[in-house]
N, C-alpha and C. Protein backbone atom coordinates (compact mmCIF):
# COMPACT_ATOMS: atom_id res chain seq x y z
N MET A 1 -53.95 123.35 -34.68
CA MET A 1 -55.00 124.13 -34.07
C MET A 1 -54.62 125.60 -34.20
N THR A 2 -55.54 126.40 -34.59
CA THR A 2 -55.30 127.83 -34.69
C THR A 2 -55.87 128.52 -33.46
N GLU A 3 -55.56 129.79 -33.33
CA GLU A 3 -56.10 130.55 -32.20
C GLU A 3 -57.63 130.55 -32.23
N GLU A 4 -58.18 130.58 -33.43
CA GLU A 4 -59.63 130.63 -33.56
C GLU A 4 -60.28 129.34 -33.07
N THR A 5 -59.64 128.17 -33.33
CA THR A 5 -60.23 126.90 -32.92
C THR A 5 -59.86 126.53 -31.49
N ALA A 6 -58.85 127.18 -30.93
CA ALA A 6 -58.42 126.85 -29.57
C ALA A 6 -59.38 127.39 -28.52
N ALA A 7 -60.04 128.47 -28.80
CA ALA A 7 -60.96 129.08 -27.83
C ALA A 7 -62.31 128.39 -27.91
N PRO A 8 -62.92 128.08 -26.77
CA PRO A 8 -64.25 127.47 -26.78
C PRO A 8 -65.28 128.43 -27.36
N LEU A 9 -66.25 127.85 -28.03
CA LEU A 9 -67.34 128.65 -28.58
C LEU A 9 -68.18 129.20 -27.45
N SER A 10 -68.85 130.31 -27.71
CA SER A 10 -69.70 130.88 -26.66
C SER A 10 -70.77 129.86 -26.29
N GLY A 11 -70.98 129.71 -24.99
CA GLY A 11 -71.93 128.73 -24.52
C GLY A 11 -71.31 127.38 -24.21
N ALA A 12 -70.12 127.10 -24.76
CA ALA A 12 -69.45 125.84 -24.48
C ALA A 12 -68.68 125.96 -23.17
N THR A 13 -68.83 124.97 -22.32
CA THR A 13 -68.17 125.05 -21.03
C THR A 13 -66.86 124.29 -20.98
N ASP A 14 -66.68 123.30 -21.87
CA ASP A 14 -65.47 122.50 -21.81
C ASP A 14 -65.13 122.00 -23.21
N VAL A 15 -63.86 122.02 -23.53
CA VAL A 15 -63.39 121.49 -24.80
C VAL A 15 -62.94 120.07 -24.56
N ARG A 16 -63.38 119.15 -25.38
CA ARG A 16 -63.03 117.75 -25.22
C ARG A 16 -61.87 117.42 -26.14
N ASP A 17 -60.76 116.99 -25.54
CA ASP A 17 -59.62 116.50 -26.31
C ASP A 17 -59.72 114.99 -26.36
N ALA A 18 -59.77 114.44 -27.55
CA ALA A 18 -59.86 112.99 -27.70
C ALA A 18 -59.00 112.55 -28.87
N VAL A 19 -58.32 111.43 -28.69
CA VAL A 19 -57.48 110.84 -29.72
C VAL A 19 -57.81 109.35 -29.79
N THR A 20 -57.99 108.84 -31.00
CA THR A 20 -58.25 107.42 -31.19
C THR A 20 -57.12 106.83 -32.04
N VAL A 21 -56.57 105.72 -31.57
CA VAL A 21 -55.52 105.01 -32.30
C VAL A 21 -56.05 103.62 -32.60
N LYS A 22 -56.08 103.27 -33.88
CA LYS A 22 -56.57 101.97 -34.31
C LYS A 22 -55.45 101.28 -35.06
N MET A 23 -55.09 100.07 -34.64
CA MET A 23 -53.99 99.35 -35.27
C MET A 23 -54.25 97.85 -35.20
N PRO A 24 -53.49 97.07 -35.96
CA PRO A 24 -53.70 95.61 -35.89
C PRO A 24 -53.51 95.09 -34.47
N ALA A 25 -54.32 94.12 -34.10
CA ALA A 25 -54.24 93.51 -32.77
C ALA A 25 -53.05 92.55 -32.75
N ASP A 26 -51.87 93.15 -32.72
CA ASP A 26 -50.61 92.41 -32.76
C ASP A 26 -49.61 93.13 -31.87
N SER A 27 -48.92 92.40 -31.02
CA SER A 27 -47.99 93.02 -30.07
C SER A 27 -46.85 93.77 -30.75
N ALA A 28 -46.60 93.51 -32.01
CA ALA A 28 -45.53 94.22 -32.73
C ALA A 28 -45.79 95.72 -32.83
N TYR A 29 -47.04 96.14 -32.68
CA TYR A 29 -47.40 97.56 -32.82
C TYR A 29 -47.51 98.30 -31.48
N LEU A 30 -47.30 97.61 -30.37
CA LEU A 30 -47.52 98.23 -29.06
C LEU A 30 -46.56 99.37 -28.76
N SER A 31 -45.38 99.38 -29.37
CA SER A 31 -44.45 100.49 -29.13
C SER A 31 -45.05 101.81 -29.60
N VAL A 32 -45.83 101.78 -30.67
CA VAL A 32 -46.51 102.97 -31.17
C VAL A 32 -47.49 103.48 -30.12
N LEU A 33 -48.21 102.57 -29.52
CA LEU A 33 -49.21 102.93 -28.51
C LEU A 33 -48.55 103.47 -27.24
N ARG A 34 -47.45 102.86 -26.83
CA ARG A 34 -46.73 103.35 -25.65
C ARG A 34 -46.22 104.77 -25.88
N THR A 35 -45.73 105.04 -27.09
CA THR A 35 -45.23 106.38 -27.42
C THR A 35 -46.37 107.40 -27.43
N ALA A 36 -47.51 107.02 -28.00
CA ALA A 36 -48.67 107.93 -28.01
C ALA A 36 -49.13 108.22 -26.58
N THR A 37 -49.15 107.20 -25.75
CA THR A 37 -49.55 107.38 -24.35
C THR A 37 -48.63 108.37 -23.64
N ALA A 38 -47.33 108.19 -23.81
CA ALA A 38 -46.36 109.07 -23.17
C ALA A 38 -46.49 110.51 -23.67
N GLY A 39 -46.67 110.68 -24.95
CA GLY A 39 -46.80 112.03 -25.51
C GLY A 39 -48.03 112.75 -25.00
N LEU A 40 -49.16 112.04 -24.94
CA LEU A 40 -50.39 112.66 -24.45
C LEU A 40 -50.31 112.95 -22.95
N ALA A 41 -49.71 112.06 -22.20
CA ALA A 41 -49.56 112.29 -20.75
C ALA A 41 -48.64 113.48 -20.49
N ALA A 42 -47.59 113.61 -21.28
CA ALA A 42 -46.68 114.75 -21.13
C ALA A 42 -47.41 116.05 -21.43
N ARG A 43 -48.32 116.02 -22.39
CA ARG A 43 -49.11 117.20 -22.73
C ARG A 43 -49.94 117.68 -21.55
N LEU A 44 -50.32 116.74 -20.67
CA LEU A 44 -51.12 117.08 -19.49
C LEU A 44 -50.25 117.36 -18.27
N ASP A 45 -48.96 117.44 -18.47
CA ASP A 45 -48.01 117.73 -17.38
C ASP A 45 -47.98 116.66 -16.30
N PHE A 46 -48.15 115.39 -16.69
CA PHE A 46 -47.93 114.31 -15.75
C PHE A 46 -46.44 114.27 -15.42
N THR A 47 -46.10 113.78 -14.23
CA THR A 47 -44.68 113.63 -13.88
C THR A 47 -44.08 112.48 -14.69
N LEU A 48 -42.77 112.40 -14.71
CA LEU A 48 -42.10 111.32 -15.44
C LEU A 48 -42.52 109.95 -14.90
N ASP A 49 -42.65 109.83 -13.59
CA ASP A 49 -43.09 108.56 -13.00
C ASP A 49 -44.51 108.22 -13.42
N GLU A 50 -45.40 109.21 -13.43
CA GLU A 50 -46.78 108.97 -13.85
C GLU A 50 -46.86 108.58 -15.33
N ILE A 51 -46.03 109.21 -16.14
CA ILE A 51 -45.99 108.88 -17.57
C ILE A 51 -45.55 107.43 -17.75
N GLU A 52 -44.51 107.04 -17.04
CA GLU A 52 -44.01 105.66 -17.15
C GLU A 52 -45.06 104.67 -16.64
N ASP A 53 -45.75 105.01 -15.56
CA ASP A 53 -46.82 104.15 -15.05
C ASP A 53 -47.90 103.96 -16.11
N LEU A 54 -48.28 105.03 -16.79
CA LEU A 54 -49.31 104.93 -17.83
C LEU A 54 -48.83 104.10 -19.01
N ARG A 55 -47.59 104.28 -19.41
CA ARG A 55 -47.03 103.49 -20.52
C ARG A 55 -47.10 101.99 -20.19
N ILE A 56 -46.67 101.65 -18.98
CA ILE A 56 -46.67 100.25 -18.57
C ILE A 56 -48.11 99.75 -18.40
N GLY A 57 -48.98 100.60 -17.86
CA GLY A 57 -50.38 100.22 -17.68
C GLY A 57 -51.08 99.93 -19.00
N VAL A 58 -50.87 100.79 -19.99
CA VAL A 58 -51.47 100.57 -21.31
C VAL A 58 -50.91 99.28 -21.92
N ASP A 59 -49.62 99.06 -21.77
CA ASP A 59 -49.00 97.84 -22.28
C ASP A 59 -49.61 96.61 -21.61
N GLU A 60 -49.81 96.67 -20.31
CA GLU A 60 -50.40 95.55 -19.57
C GLU A 60 -51.85 95.31 -19.99
N ALA A 61 -52.63 96.37 -20.15
CA ALA A 61 -54.01 96.22 -20.61
C ALA A 61 -54.06 95.57 -21.99
N CYS A 62 -53.18 96.01 -22.87
CA CYS A 62 -53.12 95.42 -24.22
C CYS A 62 -52.75 93.95 -24.16
N ALA A 63 -51.78 93.59 -23.32
CA ALA A 63 -51.38 92.18 -23.19
C ALA A 63 -52.56 91.33 -22.73
N MET A 64 -53.35 91.86 -21.81
CA MET A 64 -54.51 91.12 -21.32
C MET A 64 -55.54 90.90 -22.44
N LEU A 65 -55.69 91.89 -23.30
CA LEU A 65 -56.70 91.80 -24.36
C LEU A 65 -56.21 91.07 -25.60
N LEU A 66 -54.95 91.25 -25.95
CA LEU A 66 -54.44 90.62 -27.17
C LEU A 66 -54.50 89.10 -27.11
N SER A 67 -54.42 88.55 -25.92
CA SER A 67 -54.45 87.10 -25.79
C SER A 67 -55.79 86.51 -26.22
N GLN A 68 -56.84 87.32 -26.23
CA GLN A 68 -58.15 86.81 -26.65
C GLN A 68 -58.71 87.50 -27.89
N ALA A 69 -57.91 88.35 -28.54
CA ALA A 69 -58.38 89.06 -29.75
C ALA A 69 -58.56 88.09 -30.91
N LEU A 70 -59.60 88.31 -31.69
CA LEU A 70 -59.81 87.51 -32.89
C LEU A 70 -58.71 87.83 -33.90
N PRO A 71 -58.16 86.81 -34.56
CA PRO A 71 -57.11 87.06 -35.56
C PRO A 71 -57.60 87.99 -36.67
N GLY A 72 -56.72 88.90 -37.07
CA GLY A 72 -57.04 89.81 -38.18
C GLY A 72 -57.87 91.01 -37.78
N THR A 73 -58.16 91.19 -36.49
CA THR A 73 -58.95 92.33 -36.05
C THR A 73 -58.04 93.46 -35.56
N ASP A 74 -58.66 94.56 -35.19
CA ASP A 74 -57.92 95.74 -34.74
C ASP A 74 -57.99 95.89 -33.23
N LEU A 75 -56.97 96.56 -32.70
CA LEU A 75 -56.94 97.02 -31.32
C LEU A 75 -57.25 98.50 -31.39
N THR A 76 -58.26 98.94 -30.68
CA THR A 76 -58.65 100.35 -30.70
C THR A 76 -58.39 100.95 -29.33
N THR A 77 -57.69 102.07 -29.33
CA THR A 77 -57.40 102.77 -28.08
C THR A 77 -57.93 104.18 -28.19
N GLU A 78 -58.75 104.58 -27.23
CA GLU A 78 -59.30 105.93 -27.20
C GLU A 78 -58.76 106.65 -25.98
N PHE A 79 -58.15 107.79 -26.22
CA PHE A 79 -57.61 108.62 -25.15
C PHE A 79 -58.52 109.84 -25.01
N GLU A 80 -58.96 110.11 -23.80
CA GLU A 80 -59.73 111.32 -23.55
C GLU A 80 -58.97 112.12 -22.50
N LEU A 81 -58.54 113.32 -22.88
CA LEU A 81 -57.77 114.18 -21.99
C LEU A 81 -58.72 115.13 -21.29
N THR A 82 -58.62 115.17 -19.97
CA THR A 82 -59.46 116.06 -19.19
C THR A 82 -58.56 117.04 -18.45
N GLY A 83 -59.15 117.94 -17.73
CA GLY A 83 -58.36 118.95 -17.03
C GLY A 83 -57.42 118.37 -16.00
N ASP A 84 -57.82 117.26 -15.36
CA ASP A 84 -57.00 116.73 -14.28
C ASP A 84 -56.42 115.35 -14.57
N GLY A 85 -56.64 114.82 -15.77
CA GLY A 85 -56.11 113.50 -16.05
C GLY A 85 -56.43 112.99 -17.43
N MET A 86 -56.38 111.67 -17.55
CA MET A 86 -56.60 111.04 -18.84
C MET A 86 -57.37 109.73 -18.64
N ARG A 87 -58.32 109.52 -19.51
CA ARG A 87 -59.09 108.28 -19.55
C ARG A 87 -58.67 107.54 -20.81
N ILE A 88 -58.30 106.27 -20.66
CA ILE A 88 -57.82 105.47 -21.78
C ILE A 88 -58.66 104.21 -21.87
N SER A 89 -59.25 103.97 -23.03
CA SER A 89 -60.04 102.76 -23.25
C SER A 89 -59.38 101.95 -24.35
N VAL A 90 -59.00 100.71 -24.03
CA VAL A 90 -58.38 99.80 -24.98
C VAL A 90 -59.37 98.69 -25.25
N SER A 91 -59.64 98.37 -26.53
CA SER A 91 -60.65 97.35 -26.81
C SER A 91 -60.29 96.50 -28.02
N VAL A 92 -60.80 95.26 -28.01
CA VAL A 92 -60.62 94.32 -29.13
C VAL A 92 -61.89 93.50 -29.28
N LEU A 93 -62.07 92.96 -30.48
CA LEU A 93 -63.14 91.99 -30.71
C LEU A 93 -62.64 90.63 -30.25
N THR A 94 -63.51 89.90 -29.54
CA THR A 94 -63.15 88.58 -29.03
C THR A 94 -64.18 87.56 -29.48
N ALA A 95 -63.88 86.30 -29.27
CA ALA A 95 -64.80 85.25 -29.66
C ALA A 95 -65.97 85.12 -28.69
N ASP A 96 -65.73 85.41 -27.40
CA ASP A 96 -66.78 85.15 -26.42
C ASP A 96 -67.11 86.31 -25.48
N GLY A 97 -66.41 87.44 -25.60
CA GLY A 97 -66.70 88.59 -24.75
C GLY A 97 -66.31 88.41 -23.30
N ARG A 98 -65.43 87.45 -23.03
CA ARG A 98 -65.01 87.15 -21.66
C ARG A 98 -64.17 88.30 -21.10
N LEU A 99 -64.56 88.78 -19.91
CA LEU A 99 -63.82 89.86 -19.25
C LEU A 99 -62.56 89.33 -18.58
N PRO A 100 -61.52 90.16 -18.47
CA PRO A 100 -60.32 89.73 -17.76
C PRO A 100 -60.64 89.46 -16.29
N GLU A 101 -59.95 88.50 -15.73
CA GLU A 101 -60.12 88.18 -14.30
C GLU A 101 -59.59 89.34 -13.47
N ARG A 102 -60.35 89.74 -12.45
CA ARG A 102 -59.96 90.86 -11.60
C ARG A 102 -59.17 90.44 -10.36
N ASP A 103 -59.07 89.16 -10.13
CA ASP A 103 -58.35 88.69 -8.94
C ASP A 103 -56.96 88.15 -9.29
N THR A 104 -56.39 88.64 -10.39
CA THR A 104 -55.07 88.19 -10.81
C THR A 104 -54.01 89.22 -10.44
N PHE A 105 -52.77 88.77 -10.46
CA PHE A 105 -51.65 89.67 -10.21
C PHE A 105 -51.61 90.77 -11.28
N ALA A 106 -51.88 90.41 -12.54
CA ALA A 106 -51.85 91.39 -13.63
C ALA A 106 -52.86 92.52 -13.39
N TRP A 107 -54.06 92.18 -12.91
CA TRP A 107 -55.09 93.20 -12.65
C TRP A 107 -54.66 94.09 -11.49
N THR A 108 -54.04 93.50 -10.48
CA THR A 108 -53.56 94.27 -9.32
C THR A 108 -52.49 95.26 -9.75
N VAL A 109 -51.56 94.81 -10.59
CA VAL A 109 -50.51 95.69 -11.10
C VAL A 109 -51.13 96.81 -11.93
N LEU A 110 -52.05 96.46 -12.79
CA LEU A 110 -52.71 97.44 -13.64
C LEU A 110 -53.42 98.50 -12.79
N SER A 111 -54.10 98.09 -11.75
CA SER A 111 -54.80 99.03 -10.87
C SER A 111 -53.82 99.95 -10.14
N ALA A 112 -52.70 99.40 -9.73
CA ALA A 112 -51.69 100.21 -9.03
C ALA A 112 -51.06 101.24 -9.97
N LEU A 113 -50.89 100.89 -11.22
CA LEU A 113 -50.25 101.79 -12.18
C LEU A 113 -51.19 102.87 -12.69
N ALA A 114 -52.45 102.51 -12.91
CA ALA A 114 -53.35 103.40 -13.64
C ALA A 114 -54.37 104.11 -12.77
N GLY A 115 -54.49 103.79 -11.51
CA GLY A 115 -55.53 104.42 -10.70
C GLY A 115 -56.82 103.65 -10.80
N GLU A 116 -57.82 104.21 -11.46
CA GLU A 116 -59.11 103.54 -11.63
C GLU A 116 -59.05 102.64 -12.87
N VAL A 117 -59.51 101.40 -12.72
CA VAL A 117 -59.51 100.45 -13.83
C VAL A 117 -60.84 99.72 -13.85
N ASP A 118 -61.38 99.51 -15.05
CA ASP A 118 -62.62 98.77 -15.20
C ASP A 118 -62.55 97.99 -16.50
N ALA A 119 -63.40 96.99 -16.64
CA ALA A 119 -63.49 96.21 -17.87
C ALA A 119 -64.95 96.04 -18.22
N THR A 120 -65.25 96.11 -19.52
CA THR A 120 -66.63 95.96 -19.98
C THR A 120 -66.64 95.09 -21.23
N SER A 121 -67.80 94.55 -21.52
CA SER A 121 -68.00 93.76 -22.72
C SER A 121 -69.23 94.27 -23.44
N GLY A 122 -69.10 94.49 -24.74
CA GLY A 122 -70.22 94.98 -25.53
C GLY A 122 -71.00 93.85 -26.18
N PRO A 123 -72.12 94.19 -26.81
CA PRO A 123 -72.98 93.18 -27.42
C PRO A 123 -72.29 92.43 -28.57
N ASP A 124 -71.28 93.03 -29.18
CA ASP A 124 -70.57 92.38 -30.29
C ASP A 124 -69.35 91.61 -29.81
N ASP A 125 -69.28 91.31 -28.50
CA ASP A 125 -68.15 90.63 -27.86
C ASP A 125 -66.87 91.44 -27.91
N ARG A 126 -67.01 92.78 -28.00
CA ARG A 126 -65.86 93.67 -27.90
C ARG A 126 -65.58 93.88 -26.41
N VAL A 127 -64.37 93.52 -26.00
CA VAL A 127 -63.98 93.67 -24.61
C VAL A 127 -63.09 94.90 -24.50
N SER A 128 -63.37 95.72 -23.48
CA SER A 128 -62.62 96.95 -23.25
C SER A 128 -62.07 96.97 -21.83
N ILE A 129 -60.86 97.51 -21.71
CA ILE A 129 -60.30 97.83 -20.40
C ILE A 129 -60.14 99.34 -20.38
N VAL A 130 -60.69 99.96 -19.34
CA VAL A 130 -60.67 101.42 -19.23
C VAL A 130 -59.81 101.81 -18.04
N LEU A 131 -58.83 102.67 -18.29
CA LEU A 131 -57.93 103.20 -17.27
C LEU A 131 -58.25 104.68 -17.09
N HIS A 132 -58.25 105.14 -15.85
CA HIS A 132 -58.45 106.57 -15.61
C HIS A 132 -57.40 107.02 -14.62
N LYS A 133 -56.46 107.79 -15.12
CA LYS A 133 -55.34 108.28 -14.30
C LYS A 133 -55.48 109.78 -14.13
N ARG A 134 -55.38 110.22 -12.88
CA ARG A 134 -55.42 111.66 -12.59
C ARG A 134 -54.02 112.10 -12.17
N ARG A 135 -53.66 113.33 -12.50
CA ARG A 135 -52.37 113.88 -12.09
C ARG A 135 -52.26 113.89 -10.58
N GLY A 136 -51.12 113.46 -10.08
CA GLY A 136 -50.88 113.52 -8.65
C GLY A 136 -51.67 112.51 -7.85
N GLN A 137 -52.33 111.56 -8.52
CA GLN A 137 -53.15 110.56 -7.84
C GLN A 137 -52.24 109.58 -7.10
N VAL A 138 -52.52 109.35 -5.84
CA VAL A 138 -51.76 108.39 -5.05
C VAL A 138 -52.35 107.02 -5.29
N GLU A 139 -51.49 106.09 -5.72
CA GLU A 139 -51.95 104.73 -6.00
C GLU A 139 -52.11 103.96 -4.72
N SER A 140 -53.10 103.06 -4.71
CA SER A 140 -53.27 102.16 -3.58
C SER A 140 -53.44 100.75 -4.13
N ALA A 141 -52.57 99.85 -3.72
CA ALA A 141 -52.64 98.48 -4.24
C ALA A 141 -53.12 97.52 -3.19
């Protein structure tokens, strides 16, 4: 980014930082995703504990989704950096579009680590888990 592209254009009120990581839906690649999560969270000045919570949360969301991913498909992760936090959407193509159970221990852990958590299913049976972590957010489990 140069100085010219770093400044918002006149009339623009907010610059959107977004990063998309697309990789095979295989747990062998999750270390890449954990590293990307930590790097982006550090860029937003999250504390070390918050960074570790996000790394574990992304890993947990991926574990929930990889179990139902169609073989040979991709895991797509979209990071959106905002002024006070980060929104992370992890998604895979599935056979039936079944959402993760929200009354499980895994969902409770995920909610405690990431703050706001939601799951959605698209018309193509793409299932997404969305995490929204704000800096300094107090978790409640």
